[in-house]
Amino acid sequence: MPAPVSPPSDRRLTWGLALAQLINWGPLFAVFPVFVGPMERELGWSRAELNGALTAALLAGGLAAIPAGRWVDRHGGRGLVSWAAWIGGLLVAGWAACDSLVLFYAVWIGIGICHAGALSDPAYAVIVASAREPRRVVTFMTFVTGFCTSIFVPFASLLIDGCGWRGALLVLAAIQLVPGAATWWALRGTGGGLKDQPRGSGAPLREALRQRAFWALALCFCAQTFMSTGLAFHLMPLLQERGLSETAVLVAIALHGPCQVAARAVLYLFGRKADIRLIGRIATLALPLALVVLALAGNSLWLVLGYTVLWGVANGLITIVRASGVAEILGPRGFGQISGALTTAAMLPRTAAPLVLALLWQAGGGYGPVAWILAGIGVLAAAGFFVASWPARPARLSD
């Protein structure tokens, strides 16, 4: 009988998952907008048709999130996360061969299902179940992942210039071998947090659904997701409408990433000394404050940059709160399925936000009221987290 495998050290979890997440987010998500233009020119599909595939992928990923979380709780994440990365690579290669819009949608629905297995939620669940200092592992992983867009967007553009969009996708598909291998190595010896519970047990999720804190967190993350997704699609035209130069707009948008990374780096340095509930309250309060600054900024570049700093820091911290805060408030037991349920709840806001803001722009004849409306939604996000985090539960996540 083979000897049991020792669980991995936090160092191995940290570096393996950080590398895997950094790469997974690139080919499976971040590079999509880079390929829209070349595909539009070659295939003649409209921008709405192309972006509809990404919407379908997000819906598929949201629906798959709870089953994926239950699998990680029961069996651990090694097989799921590794195979989702590898299958995602095969689907990216399939994307390179697409000449049919139906096939393109089928490929992206498959990639969306891979999101539920390869991206953040299952990685967080593994960390909560297996790491000795989960918060530090999550913080470092998200710190590294924050560089994904800065690396993969220009890299994909260079690949398209050098070998066309189909050749670029084949290179990215080959790169997907790396995160699968990194996860297979890093997660050897890990198991699910519910591996000793009766098979098919969904008790932790049922218990969470009976708690006010779960629904308050769902409100918080749905509101935050709506704002983030909506601004990702509409911030550039909003700022251009105000008369800012293209250079100023690009500087403001480019500053988001470094601000998120800086916030995560500071939190990592504080480590276990940081009160994750307090961090969550500060971060969620910063969301509506940032949007009030944006609403008042007009064409002032300095105020727009003030919004960017506030928003970037808040989003950077909320990524940590999304894992460590949920595990502390609701408890680490069954974290995979609970986190999956929160992801599923945010599915509709994530997919609806770009369209809703476009309709608001059309109805208002411009983006004038949009920032104020988003600020109101930010107040809902902050209220949700405050309700969820008070009073403090006696059972805390060990870090």
Protein backbone atom coordinates (compact mmCIF):
# COMPACT_ATOMS: atom_id res chain seq x y z
CA MET A 1 0.00 0.00 0.00
CA PRO A 2 1.57 3.36 -1.00
CA ALA A 3 2.54 5.76 1.77
CA PRO A 4 0.23 8.77 2.14
CA VAL A 5 1.42 11.93 0.39
CA SER A 6 2.25 14.84 2.67
CA PRO A 7 0.25 18.01 2.06
CA PRO A 8 2.14 20.75 0.22
CA SER A 9 3.85 23.60 2.02
CA ASP A 10 2.38 27.07 1.81
CA ARG A 11 5.38 28.06 -0.32
CA ARG A 12 4.54 25.39 -2.92
CA LEU A 13 0.86 26.32 -2.90
CA THR A 14 1.71 30.00 -3.23
CA TRP A 15 4.09 29.75 -6.17
CA GLY A 16 2.24 26.99 -8.02
CA LEU A 17 -1.17 28.63 -7.82
CA ALA A 18 0.19 32.14 -8.46
CA LEU A 19 1.88 30.98 -11.68
CA ALA A 20 -1.18 28.98 -12.75
CA GLN A 21 -3.64 31.81 -12.12
CA LEU A 22 -1.42 34.41 -13.80
CA ILE A 23 -1.41 32.36 -17.00
CA ASN A 24 -4.97 30.95 -16.86
CA TRP A 25 -6.53 34.41 -16.76
CA GLY A 26 -4.63 35.41 -19.91
CA PRO A 27 -5.65 33.01 -22.72
CA LEU A 28 -8.97 32.09 -21.08
CA PHE A 29 -10.23 35.63 -20.48
CA ALA A 30 -8.02 38.74 -20.64
CA VAL A 31 -6.97 38.52 -24.30
CA PHE A 32 -10.51 38.29 -25.71
CA PRO A 33 -10.87 42.02 -26.60
CA VAL A 34 -7.55 41.95 -28.48
CA PHE A 35 -8.95 39.39 -30.95
CA VAL A 36 -12.28 41.13 -31.61
CA GLY A 37 -10.92 43.56 -34.22
CA PRO A 38 -8.94 41.03 -36.29
CA MET A 39 -11.83 38.55 -36.25
CA GLU A 40 -14.30 41.27 -37.18
CA ARG A 41 -12.18 42.24 -40.20
CA GLU A 42 -11.54 38.70 -41.46
CA LEU A 43 -14.84 36.96 -40.72
CA GLY A 44 -17.27 39.85 -41.09
CA TRP A 45 -19.03 39.15 -37.79
CA SER A 46 -20.37 42.14 -35.90
CA ARG A 47 -18.88 43.31 -32.63
CA ALA A 48 -22.12 42.46 -30.86
CA GLU A 49 -22.01 38.90 -32.24
CA LEU A 50 -18.39 38.46 -31.13
CA ASN A 51 -18.93 39.86 -27.64
CA GLY A 52 -22.04 37.74 -27.25
CA ALA A 53 -19.76 34.70 -27.10
CA LEU A 54 -18.00 36.13 -24.06
CA THR A 55 -21.39 36.78 -22.45
CA ALA A 56 -22.36 33.16 -23.09
CA ALA A 57 -19.08 32.04 -21.53
CA LEU A 58 -19.68 34.09 -18.38
CA LEU A 59 -23.18 32.62 -18.06
CA ALA A 60 -21.85 29.07 -18.49
CA GLY A 61 -19.11 29.69 -15.92
CA GLY A 62 -21.61 31.06 -13.43
CA LEU A 63 -23.89 28.03 -13.81
CA ALA A 64 -20.93 25.65 -13.40
CA ALA A 65 -19.55 27.41 -10.31
CA ILE A 66 -21.55 25.54 -7.64
CA PRO A 67 -20.90 22.02 -9.05
CA ALA A 68 -17.22 22.90 -9.38
CA GLY A 69 -17.12 24.16 -5.80
CA ARG A 70 -18.78 21.00 -4.52
CA TRP A 71 -16.22 18.89 -6.41
CA VAL A 72 -13.32 20.78 -4.82
CA ASP A 73 -14.90 20.42 -1.36
CA ARG A 74 -15.26 16.68 -1.88
CA HIS A 75 -12.19 15.69 -3.90
CA GLY A 76 -9.77 18.60 -3.75
CA GLY A 77 -8.80 20.83 -6.64
CA ARG A 78 -5.77 19.11 -8.17
CA GLY A 79 -7.55 17.23 -10.94
CA LEU A 80 -10.26 19.82 -11.59
CA VAL A 81 -8.02 22.87 -11.82
CA SER A 82 -5.31 21.09 -13.84
CA TRP A 83 -7.66 19.48 -16.36
CA ALA A 84 -9.73 22.67 -16.71
CA ALA A 85 -6.53 24.52 -17.66
CA TRP A 86 -5.51 21.83 -20.20
CA ILE A 87 -9.00 21.51 -21.71
CA GLY A 88 -9.16 25.31 -21.85
CA GLY A 89 -5.96 25.22 -23.92
CA LEU A 90 -7.53 22.75 -26.35
CA LEU A 91 -10.56 25.02 -26.68
CA VAL A 92 -8.33 28.04 -27.37
CA ALA A 93 -6.76 25.98 -30.17
CA GLY A 94 -10.31 25.25 -31.36
CA TRP A 95 -11.00 28.99 -31.30
CA ALA A 96 -8.13 29.41 -33.79
CA ALA A 97 -9.96 27.10 -36.23
CA CYS A 98 -13.35 28.85 -36.01
CA ASP A 99 -15.01 29.91 -39.27
CA SER A 100 -18.57 29.38 -38.00
CA LEU A 101 -20.29 31.64 -35.50
CA VAL A 102 -22.08 28.63 -33.98
CA LEU A 103 -18.75 26.87 -33.45
CA PHE A 104 -17.27 30.06 -31.98
CA TYR A 105 -20.09 30.24 -29.43
CA ALA A 106 -19.72 26.53 -28.61
CA VAL A 107 -15.99 26.99 -28.02
CA TRP A 108 -16.54 29.95 -25.72
CA ILE A 109 -19.28 28.21 -23.76
CA GLY A 110 -16.73 25.43 -23.20
CA ILE A 111 -14.11 27.99 -22.12
CA GLY A 112 -16.68 29.49 -19.73
CA ILE A 113 -17.19 26.08 -18.10
CA CYS A 114 -13.40 25.84 -17.79
CA HIS A 115 -13.49 29.20 -15.95
CA ALA A 116 -15.39 27.48 -13.14
CA GLY A 117 -12.59 24.94 -12.79
CA ALA A 118 -9.43 26.85 -13.66
CA LEU A 119 -9.86 30.38 -12.34
CA SER A 120 -9.99 31.94 -8.90
CA ASP A 121 -12.84 30.27 -7.00
CA PRO A 122 -11.50 26.68 -6.97
CA ALA A 123 -8.01 28.00 -6.22
CA TYR A 124 -9.38 29.92 -3.23
CA ALA A 125 -11.20 26.80 -2.04
CA VAL A 126 -8.01 24.74 -2.17
CA ILE A 127 -6.13 27.42 -0.24
CA VAL A 128 -8.80 27.69 2.46
CA ALA A 129 -8.85 23.89 2.86
CA SER A 130 -5.08 23.26 2.71
CA ALA A 131 -2.95 26.31 3.52
CA ARG A 132 -1.58 27.02 6.98
CA GLU A 133 -1.81 30.79 6.39
CA PRO A 134 -4.59 31.07 3.79
CA ARG A 135 -4.81 34.84 3.77
CA ARG A 136 -1.14 35.30 2.90
CA VAL A 137 -1.34 32.70 0.14
CA VAL A 138 -4.49 34.32 -1.34
CA THR A 139 -2.94 37.79 -1.10
CA PHE A 140 0.27 36.79 -2.85
CA MET A 141 -1.62 34.87 -5.54
CA THR A 142 -3.84 37.85 -6.35
CA PHE A 143 -0.81 40.16 -6.22
CA VAL A 144 0.82 38.12 -9.00
CA THR A 145 -2.43 37.72 -10.95
CA GLY A 146 -2.79 41.50 -11.00
CA PHE A 147 -0.09 41.62 -13.68
CA CYS A 148 -2.04 39.34 -16.04
CA THR A 149 -3.61 42.00 -18.26
CA SER A 150 -0.41 44.04 -18.37
CA ILE A 151 1.47 40.97 -19.62
CA PHE A 152 -0.99 39.15 -21.86
CA VAL A 153 -2.74 41.99 -23.68
CA PRO A 154 0.45 43.44 -25.22
CA PHE A 155 1.85 39.92 -25.71
CA ALA A 156 -1.26 38.86 -27.63
CA SER A 157 -1.06 42.03 -29.74
CA LEU A 158 2.56 41.25 -30.63
CA LEU A 159 1.62 37.67 -31.53
CA ILE A 160 -1.20 38.87 -33.80
CA ASP A 161 1.17 41.28 -35.53
CA GLY A 162 3.71 38.50 -36.01
CA CYS A 163 1.63 35.46 -36.96
CA GLY A 164 -1.99 36.56 -37.35
CA TRP A 165 -4.84 36.02 -34.93
CA ARG A 166 -5.11 32.28 -35.61
CA GLY A 167 -1.40 31.68 -35.08
CA ALA A 168 -1.47 33.83 -31.94
CA LEU A 169 -4.22 31.65 -30.48
CA LEU A 170 -2.22 28.49 -31.15
CA VAL A 171 0.73 29.95 -29.23
CA LEU A 172 -1.57 30.87 -26.34
CA ALA A 173 -3.11 27.40 -26.42
CA ALA A 174 0.36 25.85 -26.06
CA ILE A 175 1.10 28.15 -23.11
CA GLN A 176 -1.93 26.66 -21.33
CA LEU A 177 0.12 23.51 -20.73
CA VAL A 178 2.04 25.44 -18.07
CA PRO A 179 -0.75 26.27 -15.57
CA GLY A 180 -2.09 22.71 -15.72
CA ALA A 181 1.36 21.33 -14.94
CA ALA A 182 1.98 23.92 -12.21
CA THR A 183 -1.30 23.05 -10.50
CA TRP A 184 -0.69 19.31 -10.81
CA TRP A 185 2.66 19.82 -9.05
CA ALA A 186 1.53 22.35 -6.44
CA LEU A 187 -1.64 20.57 -5.31
CA ARG A 188 -0.21 17.07 -4.85
CA GLY A 189 -1.29 15.91 -1.41
CA THR A 190 -4.24 18.31 -1.08
CA GLY A 191 -7.79 17.15 -0.44
CA GLY A 192 -11.26 18.57 -0.14
CA GLY A 193 -12.45 20.22 3.04
CA LEU A 194 -15.48 17.87 3.13
CA LYS A 195 -13.76 14.63 2.11
CA ASP A 196 -14.86 12.92 5.34
CA GLN A 197 -18.51 14.02 5.06
CA PRO A 198 -21.29 11.88 3.51
CA ARG A 199 -21.08 11.71 -0.29
CA GLY A 200 -23.06 14.43 -2.06
CA SER A 201 -23.35 16.51 1.11
CA GLY A 202 -24.52 20.04 0.44
CA ALA A 203 -25.08 20.85 4.12
CA PRO A 204 -22.59 23.74 4.32
CA LEU A 205 -24.28 25.56 1.46
CA ARG A 206 -27.76 24.92 2.90
CA GLU A 207 -26.57 26.29 6.24
CA ALA A 208 -25.06 29.34 4.56
CA LEU A 209 -28.27 30.05 2.65
CA ARG A 210 -30.09 30.31 5.97
CA GLN A 211 -27.74 33.01 7.22
CA ARG A 212 -28.36 36.73 6.77
CA ALA A 213 -24.61 37.18 6.23
CA PHE A 214 -24.65 35.06 3.05
CA TRP A 215 -27.33 37.17 1.40
CA ALA A 216 -25.65 40.39 2.54
CA LEU A 217 -22.38 39.21 0.98
CA ALA A 218 -24.27 38.23 -2.18
CA LEU A 219 -25.67 41.78 -2.37
CA CYS A 220 -22.19 43.22 -1.84
CA PHE A 221 -20.49 41.12 -4.50
CA CYS A 222 -23.34 41.45 -7.02
CA ALA A 223 -23.20 45.24 -6.71
CA GLN A 224 -19.39 45.30 -6.93
CA THR A 225 -19.41 42.98 -9.95
CA PHE A 226 -22.00 45.13 -11.74
CA MET A 227 -19.90 48.25 -11.21
CA SER A 228 -16.59 46.63 -12.19
CA THR A 229 -17.91 44.97 -15.33
CA GLY A 230 -19.85 48.02 -16.42
CA LEU A 231 -16.88 50.34 -15.99
CA ALA A 232 -14.58 47.90 -17.78
CA PHE A 233 -16.71 48.39 -20.92
CA HIS A 234 -17.78 52.03 -20.51
CA LEU A 235 -15.07 53.99 -18.67
CA MET A 236 -13.14 54.85 -21.83
CA PRO A 237 -16.11 56.31 -23.77
CA LEU A 238 -17.33 58.04 -20.58
CA LEU A 239 -14.02 59.88 -20.16
CA GLN A 240 -13.76 60.62 -23.88
CA GLU A 241 -17.26 62.12 -23.79
CA ARG A 242 -16.00 64.60 -21.18
CA GLY A 243 -13.32 65.83 -23.55
CA LEU A 244 -10.24 64.21 -22.07
CA SER A 245 -7.49 63.42 -24.55
CA GLU A 246 -6.86 59.84 -25.62
CA THR A 247 -3.51 59.88 -23.80
CA ALA A 248 -5.13 61.06 -20.57
CA VAL A 249 -7.82 58.39 -20.82
CA LEU A 250 -5.26 55.63 -21.39
CA VAL A 251 -3.15 56.85 -18.45
CA ALA A 252 -6.19 56.83 -16.17
CA ILE A 253 -7.19 53.32 -17.22
CA ALA A 254 -3.63 51.97 -17.10
CA LEU A 255 -3.27 53.19 -13.50
CA HIS A 256 -5.97 50.77 -12.29
CA GLY A 257 -3.73 47.71 -12.36
CA PRO A 258 -0.77 49.17 -10.43
CA CYS A 259 -3.12 50.55 -7.75
CA GLN A 260 -4.71 47.12 -7.27
CA VAL A 261 -1.32 45.44 -7.06
CA ALA A 262 0.00 48.05 -4.62
CA ALA A 263 -2.98 47.56 -2.29
CA ARG A 264 -2.47 43.79 -2.30
CA ALA A 265 1.26 44.20 -1.65
CA VAL A 266 0.61 46.37 1.42
CA LEU A 267 -1.93 43.87 2.74
CA TYR A 268 0.56 41.03 2.18
CA LEU A 269 3.18 42.88 4.25
CA PHE A 270 0.73 43.27 7.13
CA GLY A 271 -0.14 39.56 6.89
CA ARG A 272 -2.05 38.17 9.85
CA LYS A 273 -2.05 41.53 11.64
CA ALA A 274 -4.65 42.90 9.23
CA ASP A 275 -8.30 42.65 10.30
CA ILE A 276 -9.99 41.35 7.16
CA ARG A 277 -13.40 42.63 8.28
CA LEU A 278 -12.01 46.13 8.72
CA ILE A 279 -10.25 45.88 5.36
CA GLY A 280 -13.56 44.88 3.75
CA ARG A 281 -15.40 47.82 5.31
CA ILE A 282 -12.75 50.28 4.13
CA ALA A 283 -12.68 48.80 0.64
CA THR A 284 -16.44 48.77 0.16
CA LEU A 285 -16.76 52.35 1.44
CA ALA A 286 -14.07 53.40 -1.04
CA LEU A 287 -16.19 52.10 -3.95
CA PRO A 288 -19.00 54.72 -3.79
CA LEU A 289 -16.50 57.40 -2.75
CA ALA A 290 -14.47 56.71 -5.89
CA LEU A 291 -17.58 56.99 -8.05
CA VAL A 292 -18.64 60.27 -6.43
CA VAL A 293 -15.19 61.61 -7.31
CA LEU A 294 -15.68 60.37 -10.88
CA ALA A 295 -19.12 61.99 -11.05
CA LEU A 296 -17.70 65.33 -9.89
CA ALA A 297 -14.48 65.15 -11.89
CA GLY A 298 -15.75 66.55 -15.17
CA ASN A 299 -12.73 66.90 -17.46
CA SER A 300 -10.24 67.42 -14.61
CA LEU A 301 -7.46 64.87 -15.11
CA TRP A 302 -6.36 65.16 -11.48
CA LEU A 303 -9.80 64.27 -10.14
CA VAL A 304 -10.08 61.43 -12.65
CA LEU A 305 -6.72 60.12 -11.41
CA GLY A 306 -8.05 60.44 -7.84
CA TYR A 307 -10.98 58.24 -8.84
CA THR A 308 -8.58 55.76 -10.44
CA VAL A 309 -6.46 55.43 -7.29
CA LEU A 310 -9.47 54.99 -5.00
CA TRP A 311 -11.15 52.51 -7.33
CA GLY A 312 -7.98 50.52 -7.97
CA VAL A 313 -7.13 50.21 -4.28
CA ALA A 314 -10.71 49.23 -3.38
CA ASN A 315 -10.89 46.56 -6.08
CA GLY A 316 -7.48 45.23 -5.16
CA LEU A 317 -8.56 44.75 -1.54
CA ILE A 318 -11.99 43.33 -2.38
CA THR A 319 -10.32 40.49 -4.28
CA ILE A 320 -8.72 39.41 -0.99
CA VAL A 321 -11.93 39.95 0.95
CA ARG A 322 -13.77 37.80 -1.63
CA ALA A 323 -11.82 34.79 -0.35
CA SER A 324 -10.54 35.44 3.17
CA GLY A 325 -13.48 37.55 4.28
CA VAL A 326 -16.08 35.05 3.11
CA ALA A 327 -14.23 32.20 4.83
CA GLU A 328 -14.01 34.17 8.06
CA ILE A 329 -17.61 35.41 8.09
CA LEU A 330 -19.31 32.19 6.94
CA GLY A 331 -16.61 29.77 8.08
CA PRO A 332 -14.16 27.72 5.99
CA ARG A 333 -16.27 24.53 5.93
CA GLY A 334 -17.71 23.97 2.46
CA PHE A 335 -16.00 27.10 1.15
CA GLY A 336 -15.91 25.76 -2.43
CA GLN A 337 -19.66 25.41 -2.84
CA ILE A 338 -20.41 28.59 -0.87
CA SER A 339 -17.99 30.60 -2.99
CA GLY A 340 -19.48 29.00 -6.10
CA ALA A 341 -22.96 30.07 -5.02
CA LEU A 342 -21.77 33.66 -4.60
CA THR A 343 -20.25 33.51 -8.09
CA THR A 344 -23.51 32.18 -9.51
CA ALA A 345 -25.42 34.99 -7.81
CA ALA A 346 -23.14 37.54 -9.50
CA MET A 347 -23.64 35.95 -12.93
CA LEU A 348 -26.60 38.13 -13.97
CA PRO A 349 -25.07 41.47 -12.84
CA ARG A 350 -21.82 40.56 -14.62
CA THR A 351 -23.52 39.82 -17.93
CA ALA A 352 -26.16 42.58 -17.73
CA ALA A 353 -23.95 45.51 -16.71
CA PRO A 354 -22.56 46.50 -20.15
CA LEU A 355 -26.03 46.47 -21.73
CA VAL A 356 -27.71 48.30 -18.82
CA LEU A 357 -25.14 51.10 -18.89
CA ALA A 358 -25.47 51.35 -22.68
CA LEU A 359 -29.25 51.74 -22.29
CA LEU A 360 -28.72 54.41 -19.61
CA TRP A 361 -26.36 56.23 -21.98
CA GLN A 362 -28.95 56.07 -24.74
CA ALA A 363 -31.84 57.18 -22.52
CA GLY A 364 -29.89 60.05 -20.97
CA GLY A 365 -28.25 61.22 -24.17
CA GLY A 366 -24.83 60.74 -22.59
CA TYR A 367 -23.05 59.36 -19.56
CA GLY A 368 -24.05 62.23 -17.25
CA PRO A 369 -26.08 60.24 -14.66
CA VAL A 370 -24.14 56.97 -14.96
CA ALA A 371 -21.44 57.70 -12.37
CA TRP A 372 -24.06 58.83 -9.84
CA ILE A 373 -26.14 55.70 -10.43
CA LEU A 374 -23.04 53.54 -9.95
CA ALA A 375 -22.21 55.43 -6.76
CA GLY A 376 -25.66 54.50 -5.44
CA ILE A 377 -24.99 50.86 -6.31
CA GLY A 378 -21.66 51.21 -4.48
CA VAL A 379 -23.56 52.25 -1.35
CA LEU A 380 -25.51 48.98 -1.62
CA ALA A 381 -22.23 47.05 -1.84
CA ALA A 382 -20.89 48.75 1.28
CA ALA A 383 -24.16 48.24 3.16
CA GLY A 384 -24.13 44.55 2.29
CA PHE A 385 -20.63 44.02 3.62
CA PHE A 386 -21.32 46.00 6.80
CA VAL A 387 -24.40 43.87 7.52
CA ALA A 388 -22.45 40.66 6.82
CA SER A 389 -19.45 41.56 8.95
CA TRP A 390 -21.30 42.73 12.08
CA PRO A 391 -21.43 41.29 14.64
CA ALA A 392 -18.23 39.25 14.38
CA ARG A 393 -18.65 35.50 14.45
CA PRO A 394 -16.69 33.71 17.16
CA ALA A 395 -15.40 31.10 14.68
CA ARG A 396 -12.66 32.75 12.60
CA LEU A 397 -10.57 31.60 9.69
CA SER A 398 -7.22 30.51 10.97
CA ASP A 399 -4.38 32.41 9.31
